[in-house]
Amino acid sequence: MKIKDIRDLGVDELRQKNRELSEEFFNLRMRHASGQLESTATIGHVRKDIARVKTVMAEKEAK
């Protein structure tokens, strides 16, 4: 997910996206622990997307 796309979202949409990404991250970690995850790179991508969403949320809430 690109930062430009994230900045276009509203605060409520960002919260929803954060929840979705957190759930996805949890599921990926569980699949990785059980040996079912083929590409471990997706864990890093999701972690970075969560960080981007949280950063933009903090910026928008500070305004």
N, C-alpha and C. Protein backbone atom coordinates (compact mmCIF):
# COMPACT_ATOMS: atom_id res chain seq x y z
N MET A 1 0.84 -1.17 0.00
CA MET A 1 0.00 0.00 0.00
C MET A 1 0.89 1.24 0.00
N LYS A 2 0.56 2.16 -0.85
CA LYS A 2 1.36 3.38 -1.00
C LYS A 2 0.92 4.42 0.03
N ILE A 3 1.86 5.27 0.43
CA ILE A 3 1.58 6.30 1.43
C ILE A 3 0.56 7.30 0.89
N LYS A 4 0.59 7.56 -0.41
CA LYS A 4 -0.37 8.49 -1.00
C LYS A 4 -1.80 7.98 -0.83
N ASP A 5 -1.99 6.67 -1.02
CA ASP A 5 -3.31 6.08 -0.83
C ASP A 5 -3.76 6.17 0.62
N ILE A 6 -2.83 6.00 1.53
CA ILE A 6 -3.16 6.05 2.95
C ILE A 6 -3.54 7.47 3.36
N ARG A 7 -2.82 8.46 2.83
CA ARG A 7 -3.11 9.86 3.19
C ARG A 7 -4.47 10.32 2.68
N ASP A 8 -4.99 9.67 1.65
CA ASP A 8 -6.29 10.04 1.10
C ASP A 8 -7.45 9.53 1.96
N LEU A 9 -7.18 8.62 2.90
CA LEU A 9 -8.23 8.05 3.73
C LEU A 9 -8.56 8.98 4.90
N GLY A 10 -9.78 8.87 5.40
CA GLY A 10 -10.19 9.63 6.57
C GLY A 10 -9.74 8.92 7.84
N VAL A 11 -9.97 9.56 8.98
CA VAL A 11 -9.52 9.00 10.26
C VAL A 11 -10.24 7.68 10.56
N ASP A 12 -11.56 7.64 10.33
CA ASP A 12 -12.31 6.41 10.58
C ASP A 12 -11.86 5.28 9.66
N GLU A 13 -11.61 5.63 8.41
CA GLU A 13 -11.12 4.62 7.46
C GLU A 13 -9.74 4.11 7.86
N LEU A 14 -8.91 5.01 8.41
CA LEU A 14 -7.58 4.61 8.86
C LEU A 14 -7.68 3.64 10.04
N ARG A 15 -8.60 3.92 10.95
CA ARG A 15 -8.78 3.01 12.09
C ARG A 15 -9.22 1.63 11.61
N GLN A 16 -10.15 1.61 10.65
CA GLN A 16 -10.62 0.35 10.11
C GLN A 16 -9.48 -0.39 9.41
N LYS A 17 -8.69 0.33 8.64
CA LYS A 17 -7.56 -0.28 7.92
C LYS A 17 -6.55 -0.83 8.92
N ASN A 18 -6.32 -0.10 10.01
CA ASN A 18 -5.40 -0.56 11.05
C ASN A 18 -5.88 -1.87 11.66
N ARG A 19 -7.18 -1.97 11.93
CA ARG A 19 -7.74 -3.21 12.47
C ARG A 19 -7.55 -4.37 11.49
N GLU A 20 -7.85 -4.12 10.22
CA GLU A 20 -7.72 -5.17 9.20
C GLU A 20 -6.28 -5.65 9.08
N LEU A 21 -5.35 -4.70 9.05
CA LEU A 21 -3.94 -5.06 8.92
C LEU A 21 -3.44 -5.79 10.15
N SER A 22 -3.91 -5.40 11.33
CA SER A 22 -3.49 -6.08 12.55
C SER A 22 -3.97 -7.53 12.56
N GLU A 23 -5.20 -7.74 12.12
CA GLU A 23 -5.73 -9.11 12.03
C GLU A 23 -4.94 -9.93 11.01
N GLU A 24 -4.63 -9.31 9.88
CA GLU A 24 -3.85 -10.01 8.85
C GLU A 24 -2.46 -10.36 9.38
N PHE A 25 -1.85 -9.43 10.11
CA PHE A 25 -0.53 -9.66 10.68
C PHE A 25 -0.57 -10.83 11.66
N PHE A 26 -1.60 -10.86 12.50
CA PHE A 26 -1.75 -11.96 13.45
C PHE A 26 -1.89 -13.30 12.72
N ASN A 27 -2.72 -13.33 11.70
CA ASN A 27 -2.91 -14.56 10.93
C ASN A 27 -1.62 -15.01 10.25
N LEU A 28 -0.87 -14.06 9.71
CA LEU A 28 0.40 -14.40 9.07
C LEU A 28 1.39 -14.97 10.08
N ARG A 29 1.42 -14.39 11.27
CA ARG A 29 2.32 -14.91 12.31
C ARG A 29 1.95 -16.33 12.72
N MET A 30 0.66 -16.59 12.81
CA MET A 30 0.22 -17.94 13.17
C MET A 30 0.58 -18.95 12.07
N ARG A 31 0.37 -18.55 10.82
CA ARG A 31 0.72 -19.42 9.70
C ARG A 31 2.23 -19.66 9.65
N HIS A 32 3.00 -18.63 9.96
CA HIS A 32 4.46 -18.77 9.97
C HIS A 32 4.90 -19.73 11.08
N ALA A 33 4.29 -19.61 12.24
CA ALA A 33 4.65 -20.46 13.37
C ALA A 33 4.31 -21.93 13.10
N SER A 34 3.24 -22.16 12.34
CA SER A 34 2.85 -23.53 12.06
C SER A 34 3.51 -24.08 10.79
N GLY A 35 4.31 -23.25 10.12
CA GLY A 35 5.04 -23.70 8.95
C GLY A 35 4.23 -23.69 7.66
N GLN A 36 3.11 -23.00 7.64
CA GLN A 36 2.26 -22.98 6.46
C GLN A 36 2.48 -21.76 5.58
N LEU A 37 3.29 -20.83 6.03
CA LEU A 37 3.51 -19.59 5.28
C LEU A 37 4.63 -19.80 4.26
N GLU A 38 4.34 -19.54 3.00
CA GLU A 38 5.34 -19.73 1.95
C GLU A 38 6.30 -18.56 1.84
N SER A 39 5.76 -17.34 1.85
CA SER A 39 6.60 -16.16 1.69
C SER A 39 6.61 -15.36 2.99
N THR A 40 7.74 -15.37 3.67
CA THR A 40 7.83 -14.64 4.93
C THR A 40 7.96 -13.14 4.70
N ALA A 41 8.21 -12.73 3.48
CA ALA A 41 8.33 -11.31 3.17
C ALA A 41 7.01 -10.58 3.39
N THR A 42 5.89 -11.28 3.28
CA THR A 42 4.60 -10.63 3.46
C THR A 42 4.43 -10.12 4.88
N ILE A 43 5.06 -10.77 5.84
CA ILE A 43 4.99 -10.31 7.23
C ILE A 43 5.61 -8.91 7.33
N GLY A 44 6.75 -8.72 6.72
CA GLY A 44 7.41 -7.42 6.74
C GLY A 44 6.60 -6.35 6.04
N HIS A 45 5.97 -6.71 4.93
CA HIS A 45 5.16 -5.74 4.19
C HIS A 45 3.97 -5.28 5.03
N VAL A 46 3.33 -6.21 5.69
CA VAL A 46 2.16 -5.87 6.51
C VAL A 46 2.59 -5.03 7.71
N ARG A 47 3.73 -5.38 8.32
CA ARG A 47 4.23 -4.58 9.45
C ARG A 47 4.47 -3.14 9.04
N LYS A 48 5.06 -2.96 7.87
CA LYS A 48 5.35 -1.61 7.40
C LYS A 48 4.07 -0.85 7.04
N ASP A 49 3.08 -1.56 6.51
CA ASP A 49 1.79 -0.92 6.22
C ASP A 49 1.12 -0.46 7.51
N ILE A 50 1.20 -1.28 8.55
CA ILE A 50 0.63 -0.89 9.85
C ILE A 50 1.32 0.37 10.36
N ALA A 51 2.63 0.42 10.24
CA ALA A 51 3.38 1.59 10.70
C ALA A 51 3.00 2.83 9.90
N ARG A 52 2.81 2.68 8.59
CA ARG A 52 2.40 3.82 7.76
C ARG A 52 1.03 4.34 8.19
N VAL A 53 0.10 3.42 8.42
CA VAL A 53 -1.25 3.81 8.81
C VAL A 53 -1.22 4.52 10.16
N LYS A 54 -0.47 3.99 11.10
CA LYS A 54 -0.38 4.61 12.43
C LYS A 54 0.25 6.00 12.36
N THR A 55 1.24 6.16 11.50
CA THR A 55 1.90 7.45 11.34
C THR A 55 0.93 8.49 10.79
N VAL A 56 0.18 8.13 9.76
CA VAL A 56 -0.77 9.06 9.17
C VAL A 56 -1.89 9.37 10.15
N MET A 57 -2.33 8.36 10.91
CA MET A 57 -3.38 8.59 11.93
C MET A 57 -2.89 9.61 12.95
N ALA A 58 -1.67 9.48 13.40
CA ALA A 58 -1.11 10.42 14.37
C ALA A 58 -1.01 11.83 13.79
N GLU A 59 -0.63 11.92 12.52
CA GLU A 59 -0.54 13.23 11.87
C GLU A 59 -1.92 13.89 11.79
N LYS A 60 -2.92 13.11 11.41
CA LYS A 60 -4.26 13.68 11.24
C LYS A 60 -4.90 14.03 12.57
N GLU A 61 -4.65 13.23 13.60
CA GLU A 61 -5.22 13.51 14.90
C GLU A 61 -4.55 14.71 15.58
N ALA A 62 -3.32 15.00 15.21
CA ALA A 62 -2.59 16.12 15.78
C ALA A 62 -3.08 17.47 15.23
N LYS A 63 -3.72 17.42 14.07
CA LYS A 63 -4.19 18.67 13.44
C LYS A 63 -5.39 19.24 14.13
